[in-house]
Protein backbone atom coordinates (compact mmCIF):
# COMPACT_ATOMS: atom_id res chain seq x y z
CA UNK A 1 -17.41 -16.21 0.44
CA UNK A 2 -20.22 -18.46 -0.64
CA UNK A 3 -23.55 -17.02 -1.80
CA UNK A 4 -25.17 -17.18 1.67
CA UNK A 5 -22.20 -15.40 3.25
CA UNK A 6 -22.33 -12.71 0.56
CA UNK A 7 -26.03 -12.14 1.20
CA UNK A 8 -25.47 -11.88 4.95
CA UNK A 9 -22.49 -9.56 4.42
CA UNK A 10 -24.62 -7.18 2.35
CA UNK A 11 -27.06 -6.84 5.27
CA UNK A 12 -24.33 -5.64 7.67
CA UNK A 13 -23.89 -2.00 8.65
CA UNK A 14 -20.84 -0.22 7.17
CA UNK A 15 -19.01 -0.45 10.51
CA UNK A 16 -19.69 -4.17 10.80
CA UNK A 17 -18.45 -4.69 7.23
CA UNK A 18 -15.21 -2.91 8.14
CA UNK A 19 -14.80 -5.06 11.27
CA UNK A 20 -15.46 -8.20 9.24
CA UNK A 21 -12.67 -7.28 6.84
CA UNK A 22 -10.19 -6.41 9.59
CA UNK A 23 -10.94 -9.57 11.61
CA UNK A 24 -11.12 -12.00 8.71
CA UNK A 25 -8.66 -14.88 8.78
CA UNK A 26 -9.18 -15.71 5.13
CA UNK A 27 -9.18 -13.48 2.08
CA UNK A 28 -8.31 -10.08 3.43
CA UNK A 29 -7.86 -10.12 7.20
CA UNK A 30 -5.43 -8.12 9.26
CA UNK A 31 -4.46 -4.47 9.10
CA UNK A 32 -5.74 -2.77 5.98
CA UNK A 33 -5.26 0.58 4.32
CA UNK A 34 -8.37 2.60 3.61
CA UNK A 35 -7.56 2.12 -0.10
CA UNK A 36 -7.56 -1.68 0.30
CA UNK A 37 -10.84 -1.58 2.22
CA UNK A 38 -12.43 0.66 -0.38
CA UNK A 39 -11.45 -1.77 -3.15
CA UNK A 40 -13.27 -4.52 -1.25
CA UNK A 41 -16.27 -2.51 -0.06
CA UNK A 42 -16.77 -0.03 -2.86
CA UNK A 43 -17.83 2.78 -0.50
CA UNK A 44 -17.48 6.41 -1.44
CA UNK A 45 -14.13 7.59 -0.07
CA UNK A 46 -15.67 10.24 2.18
CA UNK A 47 -18.14 7.70 3.63
CA UNK A 48 -15.40 5.18 4.35
CA UNK A 49 -13.16 7.85 5.89
CA UNK A 50 -16.04 9.04 8.07
CA UNK A 51 -16.84 5.52 9.28
CA UNK A 52 -13.18 4.78 10.03
CA UNK A 53 -12.78 8.06 11.92
CA UNK A 54 -15.85 7.32 14.08
CA UNK A 55 -14.62 3.79 14.76
CA UNK A 56 -11.21 5.09 15.89
CA UNK A 57 -12.84 7.71 18.13
CA UNK A 58 -15.08 5.03 19.67
CA UNK A 59 -12.12 2.74 20.31
CA UNK A 60 -13.40 0.01 18.00
CA UNK A 61 -10.27 0.03 15.82
CA UNK A 62 -6.77 1.51 15.88
CA UNK A 63 -5.15 3.79 13.34
CA UNK A 64 -1.59 2.43 13.04
CA UNK A 65 -0.36 4.69 10.25
CA UNK A 66 -1.55 7.16 7.68
CA UNK A 67 -4.72 5.57 6.31
CA UNK A 68 -3.94 2.17 7.90
CA UNK A 69 -6.23 0.50 10.45
CA UNK A 70 -6.52 -2.68 12.49
CA UNK A 71 -8.76 -4.01 15.23
CA UNK A 72 -7.51 -3.94 18.81
CA UNK A 73 -5.34 -6.90 19.73
CA UNK A 74 -4.45 -7.88 16.17
CA UNK A 75 -0.77 -8.72 15.91
CA UNK A 76 -0.73 -9.26 12.14
CA UNK A 77 1.28 -7.04 9.80
CA UNK A 78 -0.14 -4.93 6.97
CA UNK A 79 -0.35 -6.90 3.73
CA UNK A 80 1.04 -4.97 0.79
C-alpha cells in the first residue's frame, strides 16, 4: 500500500478492513485465518472475533473452518 492507501485504510470501519483483506488480490487476499488477520490488523483478539462472528451472522463472509474465513464467492484456497 502506498501512503494514501494506508491513510484511507485507517479510516475504514473494522468490518470494512476485514473485507478489504479478504477481497485483496495483492498482499494478503483470499481466505484468511483469524490469526493471519490479527497480524495484519492488530485488533484485540476478542474484538476481531466479535466482528468476524457478526459478519458471518449477517452473511457478509463465510466461516470455512475453525477460525478461517472468506468472502462469499471466493474460490481461492487458504494461504499457509
